[in-house]
């Protein structure tokens, strides 16, 4: 589901579009989240930068727990750069109960790459063990057009 929170707004030397998107992460996605990150937002285009302001991660436990895996966070495509201030702990996804984790903007300066999309990535390893849980990821972000 895609929902635009605001349309274009003027900024000094460019335009910005603030968006809220929601994504479903399947059990198969978790099983490959380290080696094949899930694409959340496509590259925004030439002279545009994507700035993430928050993520809400809603873990939906199925019937079988995952094993292994690593901390889960959004990253700029092709990197391990997390634009937010934290991660979803692997233990959350290995757990046997529903959970909600909220992440917000990083506290320090962040150099956002131009024309680079955003992926959901598990550090360290893929999740294993035949888990069947899913998640709903809600992402708040702004695409800035650079002058």
C-alpha atoms as a PDB file:
ATOM      1  CA  UNK A   1       0.000   0.000   0.000  1.00  0.00           C
ATOM      2  CA  UNK A   2       1.350   3.430  -0.892  1.00  0.00           C
ATOM      3  CA  UNK A   3      -0.053   6.585   0.596  1.00  0.00           C
ATOM      4  CA  UNK A   4       1.333  10.061  -0.006  1.00  0.00           C
ATOM      5  CA  UNK A   5       1.221  12.047   3.215  1.00  0.00           C
ATOM      6  CA  UNK A   6       1.956  15.409   1.591  1.00  0.00           C
ATOM      7  CA  UNK A   7       2.410  16.509  -2.026  1.00  0.00           C
ATOM      8  CA  UNK A   8       5.319  18.543  -3.248  1.00  0.00           C
ATOM      9  CA  UNK A   9       6.548  21.306  -0.983  1.00  0.00           C
ATOM     10  CA  UNK A  10       8.990  24.049  -1.846  1.00  0.00           C
ATOM     11  CA  UNK A  11      12.447  24.075  -0.322  1.00  0.00           C
ATOM     12  CA  UNK A  12      15.352  26.366  -0.986  1.00  0.00           C
ATOM     13  CA  UNK A  13      16.686  25.354  -4.385  1.00  0.00           C
ATOM     14  CA  UNK A  14      14.447  22.353  -4.932  1.00  0.00           C
ATOM     15  CA  UNK A  15      11.356  20.331  -4.147  1.00  0.00           C
ATOM     16  CA  UNK A  16      10.518  17.653  -1.616  1.00  0.00           C
ATOM     17  CA  UNK A  17       7.871  14.944  -1.431  1.00  0.00           C
ATOM     18  CA  UNK A  18       7.069  13.368   1.922  1.00  0.00           C
ATOM     19  CA  UNK A  19       5.656   9.828   1.730  1.00  0.00           C
ATOM     20  CA  UNK A  20       4.437   7.063   4.020  1.00  0.00           C
ATOM     21  CA  UNK A  21       4.672   3.544   2.547  1.00  0.00           C
ATOM     22  CA  UNK A  22       3.731   0.199   4.012  1.00  0.00           C
ATOM     23  CA  UNK A  23       5.302  -3.130   3.026  1.00  0.00           C
ATOM     24  CA  UNK A  24       4.758  -6.782   3.924  1.00  0.00           C
ATOM     25  CA  UNK A  25       7.812  -8.926   4.649  1.00  0.00           C
ATOM     26  CA  UNK A  26       7.182 -12.644   4.046  1.00  0.00           C
ATOM     27  CA  UNK A  27       8.778 -15.639   5.742  1.00  0.00           C
ATOM     28  CA  UNK A  28      10.678 -16.277   2.487  1.00  0.00           C
ATOM     29  CA  UNK A  29      11.978 -12.682   2.629  1.00  0.00           C
ATOM     30  CA  UNK A  30      13.313 -13.265   6.170  1.00  0.00           C
ATOM     31  CA  UNK A  31      15.031 -16.472   5.028  1.00  0.00           C
ATOM     32  CA  UNK A  32      17.119 -14.466   2.517  1.00  0.00           C
ATOM     33  CA  UNK A  33      17.241 -11.030   4.174  1.00  0.00           C
ATOM     34  CA  UNK A  34      21.041 -10.963   4.504  1.00  0.00           C
ATOM     35  CA  UNK A  35      21.991 -12.242   1.050  1.00  0.00           C
ATOM     36  CA  UNK A  36      19.013 -10.735  -0.819  1.00  0.00           C
ATOM     37  CA  UNK A  37      17.758  -7.586   0.973  1.00  0.00           C
ATOM     38  CA  UNK A  38      14.143  -6.622   0.246  1.00  0.00           C
ATOM     39  CA  UNK A  39      13.795  -3.478  -1.860  1.00  0.00           C
ATOM     40  CA  UNK A  40      11.564  -0.983  -0.043  1.00  0.00           C
ATOM     41  CA  UNK A  41      11.946   2.217  -2.062  1.00  0.00           C
ATOM     42  CA  UNK A  42      13.368   2.451  -5.579  1.00  0.00           C
ATOM     43  CA  UNK A  43      16.121   4.914  -6.420  1.00  0.00           C
ATOM     44  CA  UNK A  44      14.369   8.309  -6.580  1.00  0.00           C
ATOM     45  CA  UNK A  45      16.140   9.595  -9.703  1.00  0.00           C
ATOM     46  CA  UNK A  46      18.890  11.915 -10.797  1.00  0.00           C
ATOM     47  CA  UNK A  47      19.723  14.700  -8.312  1.00  0.00           C
ATOM     48  CA  UNK A  48      17.323  13.325  -5.688  1.00  0.00           C
ATOM     49  CA  UNK A  49      18.105  12.123  -2.175  1.00  0.00           C
ATOM     50  CA  UNK A  50      15.935   9.912   0.007  1.00  0.00           C
ATOM     51  CA  UNK A  51      15.878  10.786   3.726  1.00  0.00           C
ATOM     52  CA  UNK A  52      14.177   8.328   6.085  1.00  0.00           C
ATOM     53  CA  UNK A  53      12.561   9.821   9.188  1.00  0.00           C
ATOM     54  CA  UNK A  54      10.994   6.769  10.874  1.00  0.00           C
ATOM     55  CA  UNK A  55      10.109   3.085  10.578  1.00  0.00           C
ATOM     56  CA  UNK A  56       7.485   1.038  12.402  1.00  0.00           C
ATOM     57  CA  UNK A  57       8.180  -2.712  12.328  1.00  0.00           C
ATOM     58  CA  UNK A  58       5.210  -4.930  13.244  1.00  0.00           C
ATOM     59  CA  UNK A  59       6.322  -8.541  13.706  1.00  0.00           C
ATOM     60  CA  UNK A  60       3.541 -11.095  13.217  1.00  0.00           C
ATOM     61  CA  UNK A  61       4.449 -14.464  14.761  1.00  0.00           C
ATOM     62  CA  UNK A  62       3.206 -17.477  12.786  1.00  0.00           C
ATOM     63  CA  UNK A  63       3.615 -20.941  14.312  1.00  0.00           C
ATOM     64  CA  UNK A  64       7.329 -21.759  13.840  1.00  0.00           C
ATOM     65  CA  UNK A  65      10.213 -19.678  15.218  1.00  0.00           C
ATOM     66  CA  UNK A  66      13.175 -18.527  13.129  1.00  0.00           C
ATOM     67  CA  UNK A  67      16.776 -19.209  14.157  1.00  0.00           C
ATOM     68  CA  UNK A  68      20.036 -17.421  13.239  1.00  0.00           C
ATOM     69  CA  UNK A  69      19.682 -14.078  11.428  1.00  0.00           C
ATOM     70  CA  UNK A  70      20.905 -10.678  12.483  1.00  0.00           C
ATOM     71  CA  UNK A  71      19.736  -7.200  13.387  1.00  0.00           C
ATOM     72  CA  UNK A  72      17.262  -5.881  10.801  1.00  0.00           C
ATOM     73  CA  UNK A  73      17.258  -2.312   9.533  1.00  0.00           C
ATOM     74  CA  UNK A  74      16.702  -0.218   6.452  1.00  0.00           C
ATOM     75  CA  UNK A  75      19.878   0.481   4.485  1.00  0.00           C
ATOM     76  CA  UNK A  76      20.719   2.471   1.406  1.00  0.00           C
ATOM     77  CA  UNK A  77      20.866   0.065  -1.564  1.00  0.00           C
ATOM     78  CA  UNK A  78      24.264  -1.559  -1.983  1.00  0.00           C
ATOM     79  CA  UNK A  79      25.481  -0.428   1.465  1.00  0.00           C
ATOM     80  CA  UNK A  80      25.022  -1.296   5.123  1.00  0.00           C
ATOM     81  CA  UNK A  81      24.351   2.356   6.048  1.00  0.00           C
ATOM     82  CA  UNK A  82      21.329   2.518   8.358  1.00  0.00           C
ATOM     83  CA  UNK A  83      19.695   5.969   8.190  1.00  0.00           C
ATOM     84  CA  UNK A  84      17.823   5.386  11.461  1.00  0.00           C
ATOM     85  CA  UNK A  85      18.879   5.305  15.115  1.00  0.00           C
ATOM     86  CA  UNK A  86      18.805   1.603  15.808  1.00  0.00           C
ATOM     87  CA  UNK A  87      17.766  -1.773  14.513  1.00  0.00           C
ATOM     88  CA  UNK A  88      15.167  -4.462  15.047  1.00  0.00           C
ATOM     89  CA  UNK A  89      16.961  -7.057  17.177  1.00  0.00           C
ATOM     90  CA  UNK A  90      17.328 -10.535  15.688  1.00  0.00           C
ATOM     91  CA  UNK A  91      15.755 -11.833  18.922  1.00  0.00           C
ATOM     92  CA  UNK A  92      12.504 -10.082  17.965  1.00  0.00           C
ATOM     93  CA  UNK A  93      12.287 -12.086  14.739  1.00  0.00           C
ATOM     94  CA  UNK A  94      13.447 -15.270  16.469  1.00  0.00           C
ATOM     95  CA  UNK A  95      10.731 -14.808  19.064  1.00  0.00           C
ATOM     96  CA  UNK A  96       7.394 -16.546  19.452  1.00  0.00           C
ATOM     97  CA  UNK A  97       5.168 -13.512  20.012  1.00  0.00           C
ATOM     98  CA  UNK A  98       3.940 -10.507  18.086  1.00  0.00           C
ATOM     99  CA  UNK A  99       6.056  -7.383  18.576  1.00  0.00           C
ATOM    100  CA  UNK A 100       6.213  -3.747  17.529  1.00  0.00           C
ATOM    101  CA  UNK A 101       9.504  -1.859  17.178  1.00  0.00           C
ATOM    102  CA  UNK A 102       9.712   1.840  16.289  1.00  0.00           C
ATOM    103  CA  UNK A 103      12.896   3.416  14.920  1.00  0.00           C
ATOM    104  CA  UNK A 104      13.403   7.129  14.352  1.00  0.00           C
ATOM    105  CA  UNK A 105      15.882   9.391  12.600  1.00  0.00           C
ATOM    106  CA  UNK A 106      19.556   9.107  13.419  1.00  0.00           C
ATOM    107  CA  UNK A 107      20.783  11.650  15.939  1.00  0.00           C
ATOM    108  CA  UNK A 108      23.890  12.719  14.076  1.00  0.00           C
ATOM    109  CA  UNK A 109      24.721  13.924  10.617  1.00  0.00           C
ATOM    110  CA  UNK A 110      23.955  11.529   7.783  1.00  0.00           C
ATOM    111  CA  UNK A 111      25.342  11.804   4.270  1.00  0.00           C
ATOM    112  CA  UNK A 112      22.546  10.591   2.037  1.00  0.00           C
ATOM    113  CA  UNK A 113      23.643   9.254  -1.343  1.00  0.00           C
ATOM    114  CA  UNK A 114      21.969  10.687  -4.425  1.00  0.00           C
ATOM    115  CA  UNK A 115      19.705   8.489  -6.558  1.00  0.00           C
ATOM    116  CA  UNK A 116      19.914   5.545  -4.141  1.00  0.00           C
ATOM    117  CA  UNK A 117      16.979   3.434  -3.021  1.00  0.00           C
ATOM    118  CA  UNK A 118      16.325   1.804   0.324  1.00  0.00           C
ATOM    119  CA  UNK A 119      16.373  -1.892   1.247  1.00  0.00           C
ATOM    120  CA  UNK A 120      15.477  -3.924   4.342  1.00  0.00           C
ATOM    121  CA  UNK A 121      18.550  -5.906   5.407  1.00  0.00           C
ATOM    122  CA  UNK A 122      19.546  -8.433   8.085  1.00  0.00           C
ATOM    123  CA  UNK A 123      23.121  -8.056   9.311  1.00  0.00           C
ATOM    124  CA  UNK A 124      25.259 -11.143   9.914  1.00  0.00           C
ATOM    125  CA  UNK A 125      23.119 -13.948   8.394  1.00  0.00           C
ATOM    126  CA  UNK A 126      19.821 -15.011   6.890  1.00  0.00           C
ATOM    127  CA  UNK A 127      17.099 -16.236   9.234  1.00  0.00           C
ATOM    128  CA  UNK A 128      16.686 -20.021   9.241  1.00  0.00           C
ATOM    129  CA  UNK A 129      14.858 -22.832  11.000  1.00  0.00           C
ATOM    130  CA  UNK A 130      11.779 -22.917   8.791  1.00  0.00           C
ATOM    131  CA  UNK A 131      10.131 -19.949  10.516  1.00  0.00           C
ATOM    132  CA  UNK A 132       6.797 -18.825   9.086  1.00  0.00           C
ATOM    133  CA  UNK A 133       6.369 -15.379  10.631  1.00  0.00           C
ATOM    134  CA  UNK A 134       5.832 -12.165   8.661  1.00  0.00           C
ATOM    135  CA  UNK A 135       6.092  -8.438   9.311  1.00  0.00           C
ATOM    136  CA  UNK A 136       4.502  -5.198   8.242  1.00  0.00           C
ATOM    137  CA  UNK A 137       6.954  -2.334   7.775  1.00  0.00           C
ATOM    138  CA  UNK A 138       5.692   1.255   7.684  1.00  0.00           C
ATOM    139  CA  UNK A 139       8.263   3.750   6.435  1.00  0.00           C
ATOM    140  CA  UNK A 140       8.184   7.560   6.611  1.00  0.00           C
ATOM    141  CA  UNK A 141      10.584   9.265   4.204  1.00  0.00           C
ATOM    142  CA  UNK A 142      11.123  12.369   2.101  1.00  0.00           C
ATOM    143  CA  UNK A 143      12.640  12.587  -1.370  1.00  0.00           C
ATOM    144  CA  UNK A 144      14.489  15.852  -1.902  1.00  0.00           C
ATOM    145  CA  UNK A 145      15.261  17.187  -5.343  1.00  0.00           C
ATOM    146  CA  UNK A 146      18.635  18.900  -5.223  1.00  0.00           C
ATOM    147  CA  UNK A 147      18.666  22.301  -6.997  1.00  0.00           C
END
